N, C-alpha and C. Protein backbone atom coordinates (compact mmCIF):
# COMPACT_ATOMS: atom_id res chain seq x y z
N MET A 1 95.28 72.72 95.41
CA MET A 1 95.82 74.13 95.88
C MET A 1 95.28 74.91 94.90
N ARG A 2 94.18 76.06 95.10
CA ARG A 2 94.04 77.33 94.56
C ARG A 2 94.53 78.54 95.30
N LEU A 3 95.06 79.47 94.62
CA LEU A 3 95.49 80.70 95.49
C LEU A 3 95.26 81.83 94.72
N LEU A 4 95.23 82.74 95.65
CA LEU A 4 94.78 84.31 94.73
C LEU A 4 96.08 85.34 95.60
N LEU A 5 96.72 85.97 94.52
CA LEU A 5 97.59 86.72 95.15
C LEU A 5 97.39 87.82 95.39
N ASP A 6 97.63 88.81 96.96
CA ASP A 6 97.58 89.77 97.65
C ASP A 6 98.56 90.74 96.51
N THR A 7 98.40 91.72 96.12
CA THR A 7 99.13 92.88 95.35
C THR A 7 100.41 92.52 95.87
N HIS A 8 100.61 93.01 96.91
CA HIS A 8 102.37 92.98 97.30
C HIS A 8 102.97 91.32 97.12
N ALA A 9 102.02 90.31 97.26
CA ALA A 9 102.83 89.35 96.78
C ALA A 9 103.26 89.08 95.34
N LEU A 10 102.07 89.53 94.78
CA LEU A 10 102.08 89.30 93.14
C LEU A 10 103.63 90.48 92.77
N VAL A 11 103.91 91.55 93.19
CA VAL A 11 105.00 92.72 92.68
C VAL A 11 106.05 91.83 93.51
N TRP A 12 106.11 91.46 94.51
CA TRP A 12 107.53 90.55 94.61
C TRP A 12 107.35 89.47 94.09
N TRP A 13 106.73 89.00 93.58
CA TRP A 13 106.93 87.73 92.99
C TRP A 13 107.42 87.92 91.57
N TRP A 14 107.23 88.99 90.82
CA TRP A 14 107.52 89.65 89.56
C TRP A 14 109.12 90.12 89.75
N LEU A 15 109.30 90.93 90.89
CA LEU A 15 110.32 91.62 91.26
C LEU A 15 111.68 90.54 91.85
N GLN A 16 111.34 89.47 91.91
CA GLN A 16 111.88 88.63 92.58
C GLN A 16 112.59 88.87 94.04
N ASP A 17 111.73 89.93 94.59
CA ASP A 17 111.79 90.36 96.18
C ASP A 17 111.98 89.34 97.14
N PRO A 18 113.27 89.29 97.73
CA PRO A 18 113.15 88.04 99.06
C PRO A 18 112.30 88.25 100.35
N ARG A 19 111.35 89.26 99.90
CA ARG A 19 110.44 89.50 101.05
C ARG A 19 109.62 88.27 100.95
N LEU A 20 109.44 87.97 99.96
CA LEU A 20 108.39 86.69 99.18
C LEU A 20 108.77 85.58 100.16
N SER A 21 107.98 85.17 100.64
CA SER A 21 108.16 84.04 101.63
C SER A 21 108.74 82.84 100.74
N ALA A 22 109.55 82.10 101.05
CA ALA A 22 109.93 80.76 100.28
C ALA A 22 108.68 79.50 100.17
N ARG A 23 107.66 79.48 101.35
CA ARG A 23 106.34 79.07 101.37
C ARG A 23 105.71 79.43 99.95
N ALA A 24 105.59 80.74 99.99
CA ALA A 24 104.83 81.80 98.98
C ALA A 24 105.36 81.77 97.69
N ARG A 25 106.44 81.50 97.11
CA ARG A 25 107.33 81.18 96.33
C ARG A 25 107.07 79.81 95.84
N GLU A 26 107.41 78.98 96.45
CA GLU A 26 107.30 77.28 96.24
C GLU A 26 105.78 77.46 95.67
N ALA A 27 104.97 77.31 96.22
CA ALA A 27 103.25 77.55 95.87
C ALA A 27 103.16 78.19 94.49
N ILE A 28 103.60 79.29 94.62
CA ILE A 28 103.06 80.21 93.01
C ILE A 28 103.78 79.22 91.82
N SER A 29 105.16 78.61 92.03
CA SER A 29 105.79 78.40 90.97
C SER A 29 105.77 76.83 90.56
N ASP A 30 104.74 76.12 91.65
CA ASP A 30 103.90 74.68 91.35
C ASP A 30 103.25 74.59 90.47
N PRO A 31 103.47 73.89 89.59
CA PRO A 31 102.67 73.85 88.00
C PRO A 31 101.42 73.25 88.70
N ALA A 32 101.10 72.52 89.89
CA ALA A 32 100.17 71.84 89.93
C ALA A 32 98.97 72.71 91.06
N VAL A 33 99.49 73.71 91.60
CA VAL A 33 98.85 75.01 91.88
C VAL A 33 98.09 76.08 90.85
N GLU A 34 97.08 76.05 91.07
CA GLU A 34 96.07 76.97 90.26
C GLU A 34 96.61 78.41 91.15
N THR A 35 97.00 79.52 90.50
CA THR A 35 97.50 80.88 91.25
C THR A 35 96.85 81.84 90.29
N PHE A 36 95.82 82.79 90.92
CA PHE A 36 94.82 83.56 90.34
C PHE A 36 95.55 85.02 90.64
N VAL A 37 95.25 85.73 89.80
CA VAL A 37 95.55 87.23 90.13
C VAL A 37 94.21 88.17 89.85
N SER A 38 93.95 89.20 90.59
CA SER A 38 92.79 89.92 90.76
C SER A 38 92.88 91.07 89.33
N ALA A 39 91.82 91.53 89.07
CA ALA A 39 92.08 92.53 88.33
C ALA A 39 92.30 93.78 89.28
N ILE A 40 92.03 93.47 90.58
CA ILE A 40 91.94 94.49 91.55
C ILE A 40 93.59 95.10 91.72
N SER A 41 94.67 93.84 91.26
CA SER A 41 95.79 94.12 91.74
C SER A 41 96.40 95.16 90.55
N CYS A 42 95.56 94.46 89.36
CA CYS A 42 96.02 95.74 87.95
C CYS A 42 96.08 97.02 88.60
N TYR A 43 94.65 97.20 89.22
CA TYR A 43 94.16 98.41 89.31
C TYR A 43 95.18 99.61 90.55
N GLU A 44 95.41 98.72 91.40
CA GLU A 44 96.35 99.00 92.26
C GLU A 44 97.28 99.04 92.08
N ILE A 45 98.22 98.16 91.41
CA ILE A 45 99.39 98.63 90.72
C ILE A 45 99.49 100.26 90.17
N ALA A 46 98.34 99.93 89.31
CA ALA A 46 98.52 101.26 88.18
C ALA A 46 98.23 102.68 88.91
N LEU A 47 97.46 102.64 90.46
CA LEU A 47 97.20 103.89 90.88
C LEU A 47 98.68 104.10 91.84
N LYS A 48 99.69 103.27 92.17
CA LYS A 48 101.07 103.31 92.43
C LYS A 48 101.57 103.89 91.41
N VAL A 49 101.98 103.20 90.39
CA VAL A 49 102.83 103.70 89.20
C VAL A 49 102.78 105.02 88.79
N GLY A 50 101.30 105.23 88.66
CA GLY A 50 100.64 106.77 88.32
C GLY A 50 101.35 107.53 89.34
N SER A 51 101.14 107.14 90.25
CA SER A 51 101.43 108.30 91.65
C SER A 51 103.21 108.24 91.87
N GLY A 52 103.68 107.57 91.38
CA GLY A 52 105.45 107.86 90.89
C GLY A 52 105.67 106.70 92.53
N ARG A 53 104.93 105.97 93.24
CA ARG A 53 105.34 105.40 94.55
C ARG A 53 106.09 103.67 94.07
N LEU A 54 105.75 103.28 92.79
CA LEU A 54 106.21 102.47 92.58
C LEU A 54 106.72 101.94 91.39
N PRO A 55 108.18 102.98 90.98
CA PRO A 55 108.27 102.63 89.53
C PRO A 55 108.91 101.70 89.08
N SER A 56 109.20 100.69 89.92
CA SER A 56 109.82 99.60 89.11
C SER A 56 108.56 98.54 88.67
N MET A 57 107.55 99.23 88.64
CA MET A 57 106.67 98.18 88.16
C MET A 57 105.87 98.57 87.02
N VAL A 58 106.48 99.60 86.18
CA VAL A 58 106.03 100.29 85.10
C VAL A 58 106.28 99.29 83.85
N GLU A 59 107.19 98.65 83.67
CA GLU A 59 107.20 97.67 82.75
C GLU A 59 106.26 96.44 82.58
N PRO A 60 106.16 96.23 83.80
CA PRO A 60 105.05 94.65 83.97
C PRO A 60 103.95 95.16 84.01
N LEU A 61 103.33 96.59 84.45
CA LEU A 61 102.21 96.89 84.03
C LEU A 61 101.74 97.40 82.58
N SER A 62 102.70 97.74 82.00
CA SER A 62 102.44 98.17 80.82
C SER A 62 102.13 96.40 79.85
N GLN A 63 102.51 95.41 80.55
CA GLN A 63 102.20 93.84 79.86
C GLN A 63 102.08 93.19 80.95
N PHE A 64 100.86 93.55 81.89
CA PHE A 64 100.17 93.04 82.81
C PHE A 64 99.77 91.79 82.31
N ALA A 65 99.12 91.80 81.17
CA ALA A 65 97.97 90.06 81.03
C ALA A 65 99.18 88.99 80.83
N GLU A 66 100.21 89.63 79.15
CA GLU A 66 101.13 88.95 79.53
C GLU A 66 102.16 88.13 80.35
N ALA A 67 102.56 88.98 81.32
CA ALA A 67 103.38 88.70 82.57
C ALA A 67 102.60 87.81 83.36
N CYS A 68 101.66 87.78 83.38
CA CYS A 68 100.60 86.86 83.86
C CYS A 68 100.66 85.42 83.13
N GLU A 69 100.30 85.68 82.28
CA GLU A 69 100.30 84.33 81.71
C GLU A 69 101.30 83.56 81.22
N LYS A 70 102.56 84.59 80.96
CA LYS A 70 103.80 84.01 81.35
C LYS A 70 104.33 83.14 82.10
N ASP A 71 103.76 83.63 83.69
CA ASP A 71 104.26 82.92 84.86
C ASP A 71 102.88 81.74 85.06
N GLY A 72 102.06 81.66 84.44
CA GLY A 72 100.86 80.74 84.40
C GLY A 72 100.12 81.38 85.61
N LEU A 73 99.82 82.68 85.71
CA LEU A 73 98.89 83.18 86.62
C LEU A 73 97.55 83.30 85.79
N VAL A 74 96.54 83.07 86.44
CA VAL A 74 95.02 83.21 86.00
C VAL A 74 94.50 84.14 86.36
N GLN A 75 93.87 84.97 85.49
CA GLN A 75 92.96 86.47 85.54
C GLN A 75 91.67 86.02 86.40
N LEU A 76 91.72 86.66 87.50
CA LEU A 76 90.17 86.53 88.04
C LEU A 76 89.32 88.21 88.32
N ALA A 77 88.75 87.95 87.16
CA ALA A 77 87.86 89.08 86.99
C ALA A 77 87.12 89.89 88.38
N LEU A 78 86.24 91.05 88.09
CA LEU A 78 85.49 91.28 89.64
C LEU A 78 84.06 90.98 89.20
N HIS A 79 83.04 90.57 89.82
CA HIS A 79 82.15 90.35 89.55
C HIS A 79 81.08 90.95 90.50
N TYR A 80 79.43 90.92 90.43
CA TYR A 80 78.62 91.53 91.02
C TYR A 80 78.83 90.62 92.72
N ASP A 81 78.86 89.05 92.88
CA ASP A 81 78.92 88.79 93.78
C ASP A 81 80.09 88.87 94.50
N HIS A 82 81.33 89.37 93.93
CA HIS A 82 82.87 89.74 94.89
C HIS A 82 82.64 91.36 95.57
N ALA A 83 81.63 92.16 94.48
CA ALA A 83 81.43 93.31 94.95
C ALA A 83 80.45 93.61 96.31
N ARG A 84 79.73 92.81 96.40
CA ARG A 84 78.87 92.83 97.79
C ARG A 84 79.17 92.10 98.27
N THR A 85 80.00 90.84 98.41
CA THR A 85 80.65 90.05 99.77
C THR A 85 81.77 91.22 100.65
N ALA A 86 82.45 92.01 99.39
CA ALA A 86 83.65 93.29 100.00
C ALA A 86 82.81 94.22 100.47
N GLY A 87 81.55 94.46 100.16
CA GLY A 87 80.93 95.62 101.00
C GLY A 87 80.24 95.34 102.24
N LEU A 88 79.95 94.09 102.34
CA LEU A 88 79.63 93.27 103.66
C LEU A 88 80.18 92.90 104.65
N LEU A 89 81.73 92.90 104.28
CA LEU A 89 82.42 92.73 105.18
C LEU A 89 82.63 93.31 106.59
N PRO A 90 82.87 92.65 107.47
CA PRO A 90 82.41 93.80 108.86
C PRO A 90 83.99 94.89 108.21
N LEU A 91 83.78 96.03 108.99
CA LEU A 91 84.49 97.34 108.94
C LEU A 91 85.84 97.33 109.61
N THR A 92 86.25 95.72 110.08
CA THR A 92 87.58 96.32 110.98
C THR A 92 88.94 96.32 110.24
N HIS A 93 88.94 96.31 108.85
CA HIS A 93 90.04 96.36 107.67
C HIS A 93 89.07 97.17 106.82
N ARG A 94 89.59 98.27 106.32
CA ARG A 94 88.88 99.54 105.73
C ARG A 94 89.94 99.53 104.21
N ASP A 95 90.76 99.17 104.06
CA ASP A 95 91.48 99.27 102.92
C ASP A 95 90.53 98.59 101.53
N PRO A 96 90.25 99.41 100.54
CA PRO A 96 89.27 98.34 99.71
C PRO A 96 90.04 97.41 98.62
N PHE A 97 91.16 97.57 98.53
CA PHE A 97 91.56 96.59 97.80
C PHE A 97 92.06 94.86 98.31
N ASP A 98 92.29 95.50 99.63
CA ASP A 98 92.53 94.08 100.64
C ASP A 98 90.96 93.51 100.98
N ARG A 99 89.43 94.42 100.84
CA ARG A 99 88.41 94.01 101.15
C ARG A 99 88.18 93.11 100.02
N MET A 100 88.48 93.59 98.45
CA MET A 100 88.13 92.86 97.49
C MET A 100 88.82 91.65 97.31
N ILE A 101 90.12 92.21 97.51
CA ILE A 101 91.09 90.42 97.74
C ILE A 101 90.23 89.52 98.42
N ALA A 102 89.86 90.10 99.69
CA ALA A 102 89.39 88.58 100.63
C ALA A 102 87.91 88.27 100.24
N ALA A 103 87.21 89.33 99.68
CA ALA A 103 85.54 88.79 99.33
C ALA A 103 86.05 87.96 97.87
N GLN A 104 86.94 88.25 97.25
CA GLN A 104 86.85 87.42 95.87
C GLN A 104 87.74 86.09 96.29
N ALA A 105 88.24 85.90 97.52
CA ALA A 105 88.88 84.24 98.11
C ALA A 105 88.30 83.54 98.59
N LEU A 106 87.13 84.51 99.28
CA LEU A 106 86.02 83.90 99.94
C LEU A 106 85.05 83.82 99.28
N THR A 107 84.68 84.10 97.92
CA THR A 107 83.31 83.56 97.35
C THR A 107 83.95 82.56 96.39
N GLU A 108 85.39 82.76 96.03
CA GLU A 108 85.87 81.68 94.61
C GLU A 108 86.85 80.52 95.41
N ARG A 109 86.63 80.33 96.87
CA ARG A 109 87.40 79.24 97.79
C ARG A 109 88.93 79.30 97.69
N LEU A 110 89.50 80.50 97.50
CA LEU A 110 90.88 80.35 97.30
C LEU A 110 91.60 80.94 98.52
N ALA A 111 93.14 80.35 99.06
CA ALA A 111 93.64 80.75 99.71
C ALA A 111 94.31 82.21 99.31
N VAL A 112 94.59 82.99 100.19
CA VAL A 112 95.31 84.11 99.65
C VAL A 112 96.90 84.29 100.18
N VAL A 113 97.66 84.33 98.97
CA VAL A 113 99.18 84.85 99.46
C VAL A 113 99.25 86.09 100.21
N THR A 114 99.45 85.77 101.33
CA THR A 114 99.71 87.24 101.76
C THR A 114 100.35 87.48 103.16
N CYS A 115 101.53 88.54 103.53
CA CYS A 115 101.50 88.69 104.72
C CYS A 115 100.94 89.46 105.77
N ASP A 116 99.94 89.85 104.95
CA ASP A 116 98.63 90.86 105.33
C ASP A 116 97.87 89.89 106.78
N ARG A 117 98.26 90.02 107.74
CA ARG A 117 97.25 89.20 108.79
C ARG A 117 95.98 89.77 108.72
N GLU A 118 96.05 91.02 108.36
CA GLU A 118 94.54 91.55 108.46
C GLU A 118 93.27 91.00 107.32
N ILE A 119 93.98 90.41 106.42
CA ILE A 119 93.12 89.52 105.81
C ILE A 119 92.47 88.24 106.27
N ALA A 120 93.12 87.71 107.32
CA ALA A 120 92.68 86.19 107.70
C ALA A 120 91.68 86.95 108.88
N VAL A 121 91.24 87.94 109.35
CA VAL A 121 90.41 88.83 110.08
C VAL A 121 89.21 88.25 109.27
N PHE A 122 88.79 88.01 108.10
CA PHE A 122 87.73 88.49 107.13
C PHE A 122 87.16 86.77 107.03
N GLY A 123 88.20 85.66 107.62
CA GLY A 123 87.86 84.50 107.50
C GLY A 123 88.53 84.04 106.18
N CYS A 124 89.46 84.18 105.58
CA CYS A 124 89.77 83.99 104.68
C CYS A 124 91.43 82.93 105.10
N GLU A 125 91.10 82.07 104.36
CA GLU A 125 92.52 80.89 104.82
C GLU A 125 93.69 81.90 103.96
N THR A 126 95.21 81.59 104.53
CA THR A 126 96.18 82.70 103.70
C THR A 126 97.18 81.47 104.05
N LEU A 127 97.98 81.59 103.06
CA LEU A 127 99.21 81.23 102.93
C LEU A 127 100.62 82.12 103.01
N TRP A 128 101.42 82.19 103.66
CA TRP A 128 102.65 82.98 103.50
C TRP A 128 104.12 81.87 104.44
């Protein structure tokens, strides 16, 4: 299994937030599961930290790569094909972060760890 964490799933994983489902927590912690974190999640978290809406993520953000590596999470960079796919997705869901996560999942054939049901509208496999 190969997973891509939606931004809220990553935040809840790092903060050990009980809103992260037991199924998601188990999958992320399974060493046999390859789990990816998108560069777009770093950007989204940085925007929220910068605006004061996510103060609990100041420390993890300052050591983002190290925190991912420590947890065995693999960086997923943004590529032209991800951007093209995101731009061509139906406009039923306009959140640019969700659109990019969905596009990366579709392009790379990853299941998205998310509680956001809108992600599945794009045709992504989801896990929650």
